[in-house]
């Protein structure tokens, strides 16, 4: 059984967040750095906005909700044009062909999920189910989203956590999957600091480099 994160792993949406956030922060003379981005990645919108406000000392100048609302308007346009990351289509079609059950577990809310997958409805239709951030209470690094996603597979009670493979690009997501006692393959952005890596079972430069047989799956 395989669970996929979505943003920055299956779809190149992280660049849209960067574009939108840089645009807003420029008004305050603040810079959106990679270190800050790493702290925000994989969390729910308001949580990540609050982290950004505190890190950049914008308390009193910018409210988390106002930031998220303004960002939404910019993102709506960018999201509908989201492209697949390298290696994604081949991997999903391969696993589907070999009847490996797959699902998506994303912190994105349903409306965003629908926007981001605009150009890829058929491919995402190969998933057994989709779990979005508004379906769970806790944000990653809490394991709730992965545990919930695994529980929706057929005969879920017979599935051991260790038999579930999670693909993630964000450190918070890797932590969440490990907390759920699942196997994790980390596909970090090349900009991600070295000290934020290394906790997963394996790390890849992109999904193009994934070798299914090394994880007990049918080879390409």
N, C-alpha and C. Protein backbone atom coordinates (compact mmCIF):
# COMPACT_ATOMS: atom_id res chain seq x y z
N UNK A 1 0.85 -1.20 0.00
CA UNK A 1 0.00 0.00 0.00
C UNK A 1 0.88 1.24 0.00
N UNK A 2 0.49 2.20 -0.83
CA UNK A 2 1.33 3.39 -1.01
C UNK A 2 0.51 4.66 -0.75
N UNK A 3 1.09 5.58 0.03
CA UNK A 3 0.47 6.89 0.27
C UNK A 3 1.39 7.98 -0.28
N UNK A 4 0.80 8.90 -1.02
CA UNK A 4 1.56 10.02 -1.58
C UNK A 4 1.15 11.33 -0.93
N UNK A 5 2.14 12.13 -0.53
CA UNK A 5 1.89 13.54 -0.29
C UNK A 5 1.65 14.13 -1.70
N UNK A 6 1.22 15.37 -1.81
CA UNK A 6 0.97 15.92 -3.14
C UNK A 6 1.86 17.11 -3.51
N UNK A 7 1.79 18.16 -2.68
CA UNK A 7 2.50 19.40 -3.03
C UNK A 7 4.01 19.23 -3.01
N UNK A 8 4.65 19.53 -4.13
CA UNK A 8 6.10 19.43 -4.18
C UNK A 8 6.60 18.01 -4.41
N UNK A 9 5.68 17.03 -4.35
CA UNK A 9 6.06 15.63 -4.59
C UNK A 9 5.46 15.15 -5.91
N UNK A 10 4.13 15.23 -6.01
CA UNK A 10 3.45 14.83 -7.25
C UNK A 10 3.28 16.03 -8.19
N UNK A 11 2.99 17.18 -7.59
CA UNK A 11 2.73 18.39 -8.38
C UNK A 11 3.69 19.50 -8.01
N UNK A 12 4.11 20.27 -9.00
CA UNK A 12 4.99 21.40 -8.75
C UNK A 12 4.14 22.60 -8.32
N UNK A 13 3.66 22.54 -7.06
CA UNK A 13 2.86 23.65 -6.54
C UNK A 13 3.67 24.51 -5.59
N UNK A 14 4.78 23.97 -5.08
CA UNK A 14 5.58 24.72 -4.12
C UNK A 14 6.09 26.04 -4.72
N UNK A 15 6.39 26.00 -6.03
CA UNK A 15 6.88 27.24 -6.65
C UNK A 15 5.78 28.31 -6.66
N UNK A 16 4.51 27.89 -6.77
CA UNK A 16 3.40 28.85 -6.74
C UNK A 16 3.32 29.53 -5.37
N UNK A 17 3.48 28.74 -4.30
CA UNK A 17 3.48 29.31 -2.95
C UNK A 17 4.60 30.35 -2.81
N UNK A 18 5.77 29.99 -3.34
CA UNK A 18 6.92 30.90 -3.24
C UNK A 18 6.64 32.21 -3.97
N UNK A 19 6.12 32.12 -5.19
CA UNK A 19 5.81 33.32 -5.98
C UNK A 19 4.82 34.21 -5.22
N UNK A 20 3.74 33.59 -4.71
CA UNK A 20 2.69 34.35 -4.02
C UNK A 20 3.22 34.98 -2.73
N UNK A 21 4.00 34.22 -1.97
CA UNK A 21 4.48 34.72 -0.69
C UNK A 21 5.51 35.83 -0.87
N UNK A 22 6.38 35.67 -1.86
CA UNK A 22 7.37 36.73 -2.13
C UNK A 22 6.66 38.03 -2.50
N UNK A 23 5.61 37.90 -3.30
CA UNK A 23 4.86 39.07 -3.75
C UNK A 23 4.28 39.85 -2.57
N UNK A 24 3.68 39.13 -1.61
CA UNK A 24 3.07 39.79 -0.46
C UNK A 24 4.14 40.36 0.48
N UNK A 25 5.18 39.58 0.74
CA UNK A 25 6.21 40.01 1.70
C UNK A 25 7.04 41.19 1.20
N UNK A 26 7.14 41.33 -0.12
CA UNK A 26 7.90 42.45 -0.69
C UNK A 26 7.34 43.78 -0.18
N UNK A 27 6.03 43.85 0.04
CA UNK A 27 5.41 45.08 0.55
C UNK A 27 5.94 45.47 1.93
N UNK A 28 6.35 44.45 2.68
CA UNK A 28 6.85 44.71 4.05
C UNK A 28 8.37 44.77 4.09
N UNK A 29 8.98 44.70 2.90
CA UNK A 29 10.45 44.73 2.84
C UNK A 29 11.07 43.48 3.41
N UNK A 30 10.34 42.37 3.40
CA UNK A 30 10.85 41.11 3.97
C UNK A 30 11.14 40.12 2.85
N UNK A 31 12.08 39.22 3.12
CA UNK A 31 12.46 38.22 2.13
C UNK A 31 11.94 36.85 2.53
N UNK A 32 11.51 36.09 1.53
CA UNK A 32 11.03 34.73 1.78
C UNK A 32 12.17 33.76 1.47
N UNK A 33 12.81 33.23 2.53
CA UNK A 33 14.00 32.39 2.34
C UNK A 33 13.64 30.90 2.34
N UNK A 34 14.61 30.08 1.93
CA UNK A 34 14.39 28.64 1.91
C UNK A 34 14.24 28.06 3.30
N UNK A 35 15.01 28.61 4.27
CA UNK A 35 14.91 28.10 5.64
C UNK A 35 13.51 28.32 6.20
N UNK A 36 12.94 29.47 5.88
CA UNK A 36 11.58 29.78 6.34
C UNK A 36 10.58 28.86 5.64
N UNK A 37 10.76 28.69 4.36
CA UNK A 37 9.87 27.81 3.57
C UNK A 37 9.85 26.40 4.17
N UNK A 38 11.03 25.89 4.54
CA UNK A 38 11.12 24.53 5.10
C UNK A 38 10.31 24.41 6.40
N UNK A 39 10.30 25.49 7.20
CA UNK A 39 9.54 25.46 8.46
C UNK A 39 8.04 25.47 8.20
N UNK A 40 7.64 26.07 7.09
CA UNK A 40 6.22 26.21 6.78
C UNK A 40 5.64 25.01 6.02
N UNK A 41 6.50 24.31 5.29
CA UNK A 41 6.06 23.23 4.40
C UNK A 41 5.26 22.14 5.10
N UNK A 42 4.20 21.69 4.44
CA UNK A 42 3.45 20.53 4.94
C UNK A 42 2.51 20.83 6.10
N UNK A 43 2.41 22.09 6.53
CA UNK A 43 1.48 22.43 7.60
C UNK A 43 0.22 23.05 7.02
N UNK A 44 -0.81 23.14 7.84
CA UNK A 44 -2.04 23.77 7.37
C UNK A 44 -1.80 25.27 7.20
N UNK A 45 -2.64 25.89 6.36
CA UNK A 45 -2.43 27.28 5.93
C UNK A 45 -2.23 28.27 7.09
N UNK A 46 -3.14 28.27 8.05
CA UNK A 46 -3.05 29.26 9.14
C UNK A 46 -1.85 28.99 10.05
N UNK A 47 -1.56 27.69 10.27
CA UNK A 47 -0.39 27.34 11.10
C UNK A 47 0.89 27.86 10.44
N UNK A 48 1.02 27.60 9.14
CA UNK A 48 2.26 28.00 8.46
C UNK A 48 2.36 29.52 8.35
N UNK A 49 1.22 30.21 8.17
CA UNK A 49 1.23 31.67 8.10
C UNK A 49 1.67 32.27 9.43
N UNK A 50 1.21 31.65 10.53
CA UNK A 50 1.58 32.16 11.86
C UNK A 50 3.08 31.98 12.10
N UNK A 51 3.63 30.86 11.68
CA UNK A 51 5.07 30.62 11.81
C UNK A 51 5.84 31.70 11.05
N UNK A 52 5.39 31.99 9.82
CA UNK A 52 6.06 33.01 8.99
C UNK A 52 6.01 34.38 9.66
N UNK A 53 4.86 34.75 10.20
CA UNK A 53 4.69 36.06 10.84
C UNK A 53 5.64 36.19 12.04
N UNK A 54 5.73 35.13 12.83
CA UNK A 54 6.62 35.17 14.00
C UNK A 54 8.08 35.21 13.59
N UNK A 55 8.45 34.37 12.61
CA UNK A 55 9.85 34.34 12.16
C UNK A 55 10.29 35.69 11.60
N UNK A 56 9.39 36.38 10.90
CA UNK A 56 9.75 37.65 10.25
C UNK A 56 9.37 38.86 11.11
N UNK A 57 8.90 38.57 12.35
CA UNK A 57 8.52 39.64 13.30
C UNK A 57 7.53 40.63 12.67
N UNK A 58 6.49 40.07 12.08
CA UNK A 58 5.46 40.91 11.46
C UNK A 58 4.20 40.98 12.34
N UNK A 59 4.33 40.58 13.61
CA UNK A 59 3.18 40.66 14.51
C UNK A 59 2.69 42.11 14.55
N UNK A 60 1.36 42.28 14.46
CA UNK A 60 0.80 43.63 14.50
C UNK A 60 0.77 44.31 13.14
N UNK A 61 1.56 43.79 12.19
CA UNK A 61 1.56 44.38 10.85
C UNK A 61 0.77 43.52 9.87
N UNK A 62 0.74 42.21 10.16
CA UNK A 62 0.09 41.28 9.24
C UNK A 62 -0.57 40.18 10.05
N UNK A 63 -1.87 39.97 9.81
CA UNK A 63 -2.61 38.89 10.48
C UNK A 63 -2.53 37.63 9.62
N UNK A 64 -2.45 36.47 10.28
CA UNK A 64 -2.36 35.20 9.55
C UNK A 64 -3.52 35.04 8.56
N UNK A 65 -4.74 35.33 9.01
CA UNK A 65 -5.91 35.15 8.14
C UNK A 65 -5.86 36.08 6.93
N UNK A 66 -5.44 37.34 7.16
CA UNK A 66 -5.37 38.31 6.05
C UNK A 66 -4.32 37.88 5.03
N UNK A 67 -3.21 37.35 5.53
CA UNK A 67 -2.14 36.87 4.66
C UNK A 67 -2.66 35.70 3.80
N UNK A 68 -3.33 34.74 4.46
CA UNK A 68 -3.85 33.57 3.75
C UNK A 68 -4.88 33.99 2.70
N UNK A 69 -5.76 34.93 3.05
CA UNK A 69 -6.80 35.40 2.11
C UNK A 69 -6.18 36.03 0.87
N UNK A 70 -5.17 36.88 1.08
CA UNK A 70 -4.53 37.53 -0.06
C UNK A 70 -3.78 36.51 -0.92
N UNK A 71 -3.13 35.57 -0.23
CA UNK A 71 -2.37 34.53 -0.94
C UNK A 71 -3.31 33.67 -1.80
N UNK A 72 -4.50 33.38 -1.25
CA UNK A 72 -5.49 32.57 -1.99
C UNK A 72 -5.77 33.14 -3.37
N UNK A 73 -5.97 34.46 -3.41
CA UNK A 73 -6.34 35.11 -4.68
C UNK A 73 -5.24 34.90 -5.73
N UNK A 74 -3.99 35.03 -5.29
CA UNK A 74 -2.86 34.86 -6.23
C UNK A 74 -2.74 33.38 -6.63
N UNK A 75 -2.92 32.51 -5.64
CA UNK A 75 -2.72 31.08 -5.87
C UNK A 75 -3.77 30.45 -6.79
N UNK A 76 -5.01 30.94 -6.69
CA UNK A 76 -6.07 30.35 -7.52
C UNK A 76 -5.67 30.28 -8.98
N UNK A 77 -5.08 31.35 -9.44
CA UNK A 77 -4.67 31.41 -10.85
C UNK A 77 -3.50 30.46 -11.10
N UNK A 78 -2.50 30.50 -10.21
CA UNK A 78 -1.29 29.69 -10.40
C UNK A 78 -1.57 28.18 -10.27
N UNK A 79 -2.44 27.80 -9.33
CA UNK A 79 -2.69 26.38 -9.06
C UNK A 79 -3.30 25.64 -10.25
N UNK A 80 -4.19 26.32 -10.96
CA UNK A 80 -4.89 25.66 -12.07
C UNK A 80 -3.92 25.25 -13.18
N UNK A 81 -2.69 25.77 -13.12
CA UNK A 81 -1.69 25.47 -14.15
C UNK A 81 -0.62 24.50 -13.65
N UNK A 82 -0.83 23.89 -12.47
CA UNK A 82 0.19 23.03 -11.85
C UNK A 82 0.62 21.88 -12.76
N UNK A 83 1.94 21.68 -12.86
CA UNK A 83 2.50 20.59 -13.68
C UNK A 83 2.91 19.42 -12.79
N UNK A 84 2.99 18.23 -13.39
CA UNK A 84 3.47 17.05 -12.66
C UNK A 84 4.98 17.16 -12.44
N UNK A 85 5.44 16.62 -11.33
CA UNK A 85 6.88 16.54 -11.06
C UNK A 85 7.46 15.37 -11.89
N UNK A 86 8.79 15.39 -12.14
CA UNK A 86 9.41 14.33 -12.95
C UNK A 86 9.20 12.93 -12.34
N UNK A 87 8.86 11.97 -13.19
CA UNK A 87 8.74 10.58 -12.74
C UNK A 87 7.39 10.19 -12.16
N UNK A 88 6.52 11.17 -11.95
CA UNK A 88 5.24 10.90 -11.27
C UNK A 88 4.32 10.02 -12.10
N UNK A 89 4.11 10.41 -13.34
CA UNK A 89 3.15 9.69 -14.17
C UNK A 89 3.57 8.23 -14.36
N UNK A 90 4.85 8.01 -14.65
CA UNK A 90 5.34 6.64 -14.84
C UNK A 90 5.11 5.80 -13.59
N UNK A 91 5.42 6.35 -12.42
CA UNK A 91 5.29 5.58 -11.17
C UNK A 91 3.83 5.25 -10.87
N UNK A 92 2.95 6.25 -10.96
CA UNK A 92 1.54 6.01 -10.64
C UNK A 92 0.93 4.99 -11.61
N UNK A 93 1.23 5.13 -12.89
CA UNK A 93 0.66 4.18 -13.87
C UNK A 93 1.23 2.77 -13.65
N UNK A 94 2.50 2.69 -13.29
CA UNK A 94 3.14 1.39 -13.03
C UNK A 94 2.48 0.70 -11.83
N UNK A 95 2.32 1.44 -10.73
CA UNK A 95 1.73 0.84 -9.53
C UNK A 95 0.27 0.44 -9.79
N UNK A 96 -0.43 1.26 -10.55
CA UNK A 96 -1.83 0.96 -10.86
C UNK A 96 -1.93 -0.32 -11.70
N UNK A 97 -1.04 -0.43 -12.67
CA UNK A 97 -1.01 -1.61 -13.55
C UNK A 97 -0.79 -2.90 -12.75
N UNK A 98 0.02 -2.77 -11.69
CA UNK A 98 0.33 -3.95 -10.86
C UNK A 98 -0.60 -4.06 -9.64
N UNK A 99 -1.70 -3.32 -9.67
CA UNK A 99 -2.74 -3.40 -8.64
C UNK A 99 -2.22 -3.10 -7.24
N UNK A 100 -1.28 -2.17 -7.13
CA UNK A 100 -0.81 -1.73 -5.81
C UNK A 100 -1.76 -0.62 -5.35
N UNK A 101 -2.45 -0.81 -4.21
CA UNK A 101 -3.40 0.22 -3.77
C UNK A 101 -2.68 1.51 -3.40
N UNK A 102 -3.21 2.64 -3.89
CA UNK A 102 -2.57 3.95 -3.68
C UNK A 102 -3.60 4.96 -3.20
N UNK A 103 -3.12 5.94 -2.43
CA UNK A 103 -3.98 7.05 -2.01
C UNK A 103 -3.11 8.30 -1.86
N UNK A 104 -3.78 9.45 -1.85
CA UNK A 104 -3.10 10.72 -1.60
C UNK A 104 -3.48 11.20 -0.20
N UNK A 105 -2.49 11.68 0.56
CA UNK A 105 -2.74 12.28 1.88
C UNK A 105 -2.09 13.66 1.87
N UNK A 106 -2.89 14.69 1.62
CA UNK A 106 -2.35 16.03 1.44
C UNK A 106 -2.92 17.02 2.46
N UNK A 107 -2.09 17.94 2.93
CA UNK A 107 -2.55 19.00 3.84
C UNK A 107 -3.42 20.02 3.12
N UNK A 108 -3.40 20.01 1.79
CA UNK A 108 -4.24 20.93 1.02
C UNK A 108 -5.72 20.66 1.29
N UNK A 109 -6.51 21.73 1.32
CA UNK A 109 -7.95 21.56 1.45
C UNK A 109 -8.54 21.10 0.12
N UNK A 110 -9.78 20.60 0.16
CA UNK A 110 -10.39 20.01 -1.02
C UNK A 110 -10.45 20.98 -2.21
N UNK A 111 -10.80 22.24 -1.93
CA UNK A 111 -10.92 23.20 -3.02
C UNK A 111 -9.58 23.37 -3.74
N UNK A 112 -8.52 23.45 -2.95
CA UNK A 112 -7.18 23.56 -3.52
C UNK A 112 -6.79 22.30 -4.28
N UNK A 113 -7.13 21.14 -3.70
CA UNK A 113 -6.82 19.88 -4.37
C UNK A 113 -7.46 19.86 -5.76
N UNK A 114 -8.73 20.25 -5.83
CA UNK A 114 -9.44 20.25 -7.12
C UNK A 114 -8.79 21.21 -8.11
N UNK A 115 -8.38 22.38 -7.62
CA UNK A 115 -7.72 23.36 -8.49
C UNK A 115 -6.39 22.83 -9.02
N UNK A 116 -5.58 22.31 -8.11
CA UNK A 116 -4.22 21.88 -8.45
C UNK A 116 -4.21 20.70 -9.43
N UNK A 117 -5.23 19.87 -9.34
CA UNK A 117 -5.26 18.68 -10.20
C UNK A 117 -6.06 18.92 -11.49
N UNK A 118 -6.38 20.18 -11.77
CA UNK A 118 -7.18 20.55 -12.95
C UNK A 118 -6.73 19.83 -14.22
N UNK A 119 -5.42 19.81 -14.45
CA UNK A 119 -4.89 19.24 -15.69
C UNK A 119 -4.62 17.73 -15.60
N UNK A 120 -4.89 17.15 -14.42
CA UNK A 120 -4.45 15.76 -14.18
C UNK A 120 -5.54 14.89 -13.56
N UNK A 121 -6.79 15.17 -13.89
CA UNK A 121 -7.92 14.45 -13.26
C UNK A 121 -7.85 12.93 -13.48
N UNK A 122 -7.50 12.54 -14.70
CA UNK A 122 -7.49 11.11 -15.01
C UNK A 122 -6.43 10.37 -14.18
N UNK A 123 -5.24 10.96 -14.07
CA UNK A 123 -4.16 10.32 -13.32
C UNK A 123 -4.52 10.19 -11.84
N UNK A 124 -5.06 11.26 -11.26
CA UNK A 124 -5.43 11.21 -9.84
C UNK A 124 -6.63 10.29 -9.61
N UNK A 125 -7.38 10.04 -10.69
CA UNK A 125 -8.49 9.10 -10.61
C UNK A 125 -8.04 7.66 -10.41
N UNK A 126 -6.73 7.39 -10.58
CA UNK A 126 -6.19 6.03 -10.37
C UNK A 126 -5.98 5.74 -8.87
N UNK A 127 -6.10 6.77 -8.03
CA UNK A 127 -5.96 6.58 -6.58
C UNK A 127 -7.21 5.91 -6.02
N UNK A 128 -7.02 5.06 -5.02
CA UNK A 128 -8.19 4.45 -4.38
C UNK A 128 -9.01 5.50 -3.65
N UNK A 129 -8.34 6.45 -3.00
CA UNK A 129 -9.03 7.55 -2.33
C UNK A 129 -8.07 8.72 -2.13
N UNK A 130 -8.65 9.85 -1.76
CA UNK A 130 -7.89 11.09 -1.52
C UNK A 130 -8.27 11.58 -0.13
N UNK A 131 -7.27 11.88 0.70
CA UNK A 131 -7.55 12.50 2.00
C UNK A 131 -6.94 13.91 1.97
N UNK A 132 -7.80 14.91 2.20
CA UNK A 132 -7.35 16.31 2.19
C UNK A 132 -7.30 16.86 3.61
N UNK A 133 -6.60 17.96 3.76
CA UNK A 133 -6.36 18.53 5.10
C UNK A 133 -7.61 18.85 5.89
N UNK A 134 -8.71 19.16 5.20
CA UNK A 134 -9.95 19.50 5.91
C UNK A 134 -10.70 18.27 6.42
N UNK A 135 -10.16 17.07 6.12
CA UNK A 135 -10.79 15.83 6.59
C UNK A 135 -10.20 15.36 7.92
N UNK A 136 -9.15 16.03 8.38
CA UNK A 136 -8.51 15.63 9.64
C UNK A 136 -8.36 16.86 10.55
N UNK A 137 -8.15 16.58 11.83
CA UNK A 137 -8.06 17.66 12.81
C UNK A 137 -6.62 18.18 12.94
N UNK A 138 -5.68 17.23 12.97
CA UNK A 138 -4.28 17.60 13.25
C UNK A 138 -3.48 17.84 11.97
N UNK A 139 -2.49 18.71 12.10
CA UNK A 139 -1.59 19.04 11.00
C UNK A 139 -0.36 18.12 11.06
N UNK A 140 0.25 17.78 9.91
CA UNK A 140 1.56 17.11 9.98
C UNK A 140 2.48 18.07 10.75
N UNK A 141 3.40 17.62 11.59
CA UNK A 141 3.98 16.26 11.76
C UNK A 141 3.15 15.28 12.60
N UNK A 142 1.94 15.64 13.00
CA UNK A 142 1.08 14.66 13.67
C UNK A 142 0.72 13.56 12.64
N UNK A 143 0.71 12.29 13.07
CA UNK A 143 0.49 11.20 12.09
C UNK A 143 -0.97 11.01 11.63
N UNK A 144 -1.91 11.79 12.17
CA UNK A 144 -3.34 11.53 11.92
C UNK A 144 -3.68 11.34 10.44
N UNK A 145 -3.18 12.20 9.57
CA UNK A 145 -3.59 12.14 8.16
C UNK A 145 -3.17 10.83 7.49
N UNK A 146 -1.99 10.32 7.84
CA UNK A 146 -1.54 9.05 7.25
C UNK A 146 -2.29 7.86 7.85
N UNK A 147 -2.55 7.92 9.15
CA UNK A 147 -3.30 6.83 9.78
C UNK A 147 -4.72 6.78 9.21
N UNK A 148 -5.32 7.95 9.03
CA UNK A 148 -6.68 8.01 8.46
C UNK A 148 -6.68 7.49 7.02
N UNK A 149 -5.69 7.93 6.23
CA UNK A 149 -5.61 7.50 4.83
C UNK A 149 -5.46 5.98 4.73
N UNK A 150 -4.61 5.40 5.59
CA UNK A 150 -4.39 3.94 5.57
C UNK A 150 -5.67 3.20 5.97
N UNK A 151 -6.46 3.81 6.86
CA UNK A 151 -7.68 3.14 7.36
C UNK A 151 -8.78 3.04 6.31
N UNK A 152 -8.64 3.78 5.20
CA UNK A 152 -9.67 3.80 4.16
C UNK A 152 -9.43 2.77 3.05
N UNK A 153 -8.30 2.07 3.10
CA UNK A 153 -8.06 1.00 2.13
C UNK A 153 -8.97 -0.19 2.44
N UNK A 154 -9.32 -0.99 1.42
CA UNK A 154 -10.10 -2.22 1.70
C UNK A 154 -9.33 -3.11 2.68
N UNK A 155 -10.04 -3.80 3.56
CA UNK A 155 -9.43 -4.69 4.58
C UNK A 155 -8.34 -3.98 5.37
N UNK A 156 -8.59 -2.73 5.72
CA UNK A 156 -7.58 -1.91 6.40
C UNK A 156 -7.10 -2.53 7.70
N UNK A 157 -8.02 -3.24 8.38
CA UNK A 157 -7.63 -3.80 9.69
C UNK A 157 -6.54 -4.85 9.54
N UNK A 158 -6.39 -5.41 8.33
CA UNK A 158 -5.35 -6.44 8.11
C UNK A 158 -4.01 -5.84 7.68
N UNK A 159 -3.98 -4.53 7.47
CA UNK A 159 -2.74 -3.90 6.99
C UNK A 159 -1.88 -3.46 8.17
N UNK A 160 -0.63 -3.93 8.19
CA UNK A 160 0.32 -3.48 9.22
C UNK A 160 0.88 -2.13 8.77
N UNK A 161 1.11 -1.23 9.73
CA UNK A 161 1.68 0.09 9.39
C UNK A 161 2.98 -0.05 8.60
N UNK A 162 3.79 -1.05 8.98
CA UNK A 162 5.10 -1.23 8.34
C UNK A 162 4.97 -1.63 6.87
N UNK A 163 3.77 -2.06 6.47
CA UNK A 163 3.55 -2.46 5.07
C UNK A 163 3.13 -1.27 4.21
N UNK A 164 3.01 -0.10 4.81
CA UNK A 164 2.61 1.09 4.06
C UNK A 164 3.85 1.92 3.74
N UNK A 165 3.98 2.29 2.46
CA UNK A 165 5.10 3.14 2.03
C UNK A 165 4.57 4.55 1.74
N UNK A 166 5.18 5.52 2.40
CA UNK A 166 4.78 6.92 2.22
C UNK A 166 5.85 7.66 1.42
N UNK A 167 5.42 8.41 0.42
CA UNK A 167 6.32 9.31 -0.32
C UNK A 167 6.07 10.73 0.16
N UNK A 168 7.14 11.42 0.54
CA UNK A 168 7.02 12.78 1.08
C UNK A 168 8.15 13.66 0.59
N UNK A 169 7.90 14.96 0.48
CA UNK A 169 8.99 15.89 0.18
C UNK A 169 9.31 16.79 1.37
N UNK A 170 8.38 16.92 2.32
CA UNK A 170 8.56 17.87 3.43
C UNK A 170 9.00 17.17 4.72
N UNK A 171 9.93 17.80 5.47
CA UNK A 171 10.38 17.22 6.74
C UNK A 171 9.22 16.91 7.70
N UNK A 172 8.21 17.81 7.76
CA UNK A 172 7.05 17.57 8.64
C UNK A 172 6.30 16.30 8.24
N UNK A 173 6.24 16.05 6.93
CA UNK A 173 5.56 14.87 6.43
C UNK A 173 6.33 13.60 6.74
N UNK A 174 7.65 13.67 6.62
CA UNK A 174 8.50 12.52 6.97
C UNK A 174 8.28 12.17 8.44
N UNK A 175 8.29 13.20 9.30
CA UNK A 175 8.06 12.98 10.74
C UNK A 175 6.70 12.35 10.99
N UNK A 176 5.68 12.84 10.27
CA UNK A 176 4.32 12.32 10.45
C UNK A 176 4.26 10.84 10.08
N UNK A 177 4.88 10.47 8.96
CA UNK A 177 4.85 9.08 8.50
C UNK A 177 5.62 8.17 9.46
N UNK A 178 6.75 8.66 9.97
CA UNK A 178 7.53 7.86 10.94
C UNK A 178 6.74 7.68 12.23
N UNK A 179 6.02 8.74 12.64
CA UNK A 179 5.20 8.66 13.85
C UNK A 179 4.05 7.65 13.66
N UNK A 180 3.63 7.46 12.41
CA UNK A 180 2.59 6.48 12.09
C UNK A 180 3.17 5.08 11.94
N UNK A 181 4.49 4.95 12.15
CA UNK A 181 5.22 3.67 12.05
C UNK A 181 5.22 3.11 10.62
N UNK A 182 5.22 4.01 9.64
CA UNK A 182 5.22 3.59 8.24
C UNK A 182 6.61 3.75 7.64
N UNK A 183 6.85 3.08 6.50
CA UNK A 183 8.10 3.28 5.77
C UNK A 183 8.00 4.62 5.03
N UNK A 184 9.12 5.33 4.93
CA UNK A 184 9.09 6.63 4.26
C UNK A 184 10.20 6.76 3.24
N UNK A 185 9.81 7.19 2.05
CA UNK A 185 10.79 7.55 1.02
C UNK A 185 10.73 9.07 0.87
N UNK A 186 11.84 9.72 1.19
CA UNK A 186 11.90 11.19 1.18
C UNK A 186 12.44 11.66 -0.17
N UNK A 187 11.69 12.56 -0.82
CA UNK A 187 12.11 13.13 -2.10
C UNK A 187 12.22 14.64 -1.90
N UNK A 188 13.27 15.10 -1.20
CA UNK A 188 13.33 16.52 -0.83
C UNK A 188 13.71 17.42 -2.00
N UNK A 189 13.30 18.67 -1.91
CA UNK A 189 13.77 19.68 -2.86
C UNK A 189 15.28 19.81 -2.67
N UNK A 190 15.99 20.04 -3.74
CA UNK A 190 17.46 20.11 -3.65
C UNK A 190 17.93 21.27 -2.76
N UNK A 191 17.05 22.25 -2.50
CA UNK A 191 17.41 23.38 -1.63
C UNK A 191 17.29 23.05 -0.15
N UNK A 192 16.67 21.92 0.18
CA UNK A 192 16.41 21.62 1.59
C UNK A 192 17.71 21.35 2.34
N UNK A 193 17.88 22.04 3.48
CA UNK A 193 19.11 21.92 4.27
C UNK A 193 19.38 20.48 4.68
N UNK A 194 20.65 20.12 4.72
CA UNK A 194 21.05 18.74 5.04
C UNK A 194 20.54 18.29 6.41
N UNK A 195 20.52 19.20 7.39
CA UNK A 195 20.12 18.78 8.74
C UNK A 195 18.63 18.48 8.85
N UNK A 196 17.87 18.80 7.81
CA UNK A 196 16.43 18.50 7.81
C UNK A 196 16.14 17.19 7.07
N UNK A 197 17.19 16.47 6.70
CA UNK A 197 17.01 15.20 5.99
C UNK A 197 17.54 14.07 6.86
N UNK A 198 17.45 12.86 6.31
CA UNK A 198 18.18 11.76 6.94
C UNK A 198 17.40 10.90 7.88
N UNK A 199 16.13 11.27 8.20
CA UNK A 199 15.37 10.43 9.12
C UNK A 199 14.55 9.36 8.42
N UNK A 200 14.44 9.46 7.10
CA UNK A 200 13.57 8.53 6.39
C UNK A 200 14.30 7.23 6.08
N UNK A 201 13.57 6.27 5.51
CA UNK A 201 14.16 4.98 5.15
C UNK A 201 15.04 5.09 3.91
N UNK A 202 14.78 6.11 3.11
CA UNK A 202 15.55 6.29 1.88
C UNK A 202 15.29 7.68 1.33
N UNK A 203 16.23 8.18 0.54
CA UNK A 203 16.08 9.53 -0.01
C UNK A 203 16.41 9.50 -1.50
N UNK A 204 15.62 10.22 -2.29
CA UNK A 204 15.81 10.25 -3.74
C UNK A 204 15.88 11.69 -4.24
N UNK A 205 16.65 11.93 -5.32
CA UNK A 205 16.66 13.27 -5.91
C UNK A 205 15.35 13.61 -6.61
N UNK A 206 14.66 12.58 -7.14
CA UNK A 206 13.33 12.77 -7.73
C UNK A 206 12.68 11.40 -7.88
N UNK A 207 11.38 11.38 -8.17
CA UNK A 207 10.70 10.08 -8.32
C UNK A 207 11.19 9.30 -9.53
N UNK A 208 11.88 9.98 -10.45
CA UNK A 208 12.47 9.28 -11.60
C UNK A 208 13.50 8.25 -11.14
N UNK A 209 14.10 8.49 -9.98
CA UNK A 209 15.17 7.61 -9.48
C UNK A 209 14.63 6.45 -8.64
N UNK A 210 13.31 6.39 -8.43
CA UNK A 210 12.72 5.35 -7.58
C UNK A 210 12.85 3.98 -8.23
N UNK A 211 13.35 3.01 -7.44
CA UNK A 211 13.45 1.63 -7.91
C UNK A 211 12.48 0.79 -7.08
N UNK A 212 11.31 0.48 -7.66
CA UNK A 212 10.27 -0.21 -6.88
C UNK A 212 10.75 -1.50 -6.21
N UNK A 213 11.61 -2.24 -6.91
CA UNK A 213 12.04 -3.55 -6.36
C UNK A 213 12.81 -3.39 -5.05
N UNK A 214 13.42 -2.22 -4.82
CA UNK A 214 14.16 -2.01 -3.56
C UNK A 214 13.21 -1.85 -2.38
N UNK A 215 11.92 -1.67 -2.66
CA UNK A 215 10.92 -1.47 -1.62
C UNK A 215 9.89 -2.60 -1.65
N UNK A 216 10.25 -3.71 -2.29
CA UNK A 216 9.35 -4.86 -2.32
C UNK A 216 8.18 -4.72 -3.27
N UNK A 217 8.32 -3.83 -4.27
CA UNK A 217 7.27 -3.62 -5.26
C UNK A 217 7.73 -4.16 -6.62
N UNK A 218 6.78 -4.42 -7.56
CA UNK A 218 7.17 -4.95 -8.87
C UNK A 218 8.08 -3.96 -9.61
N UNK A 219 9.16 -4.44 -10.24
CA UNK A 219 10.08 -3.53 -10.96
C UNK A 219 9.43 -2.94 -12.21
N UNK A 220 9.98 -1.81 -12.67
CA UNK A 220 9.49 -1.18 -13.90
C UNK A 220 9.71 -2.11 -15.08
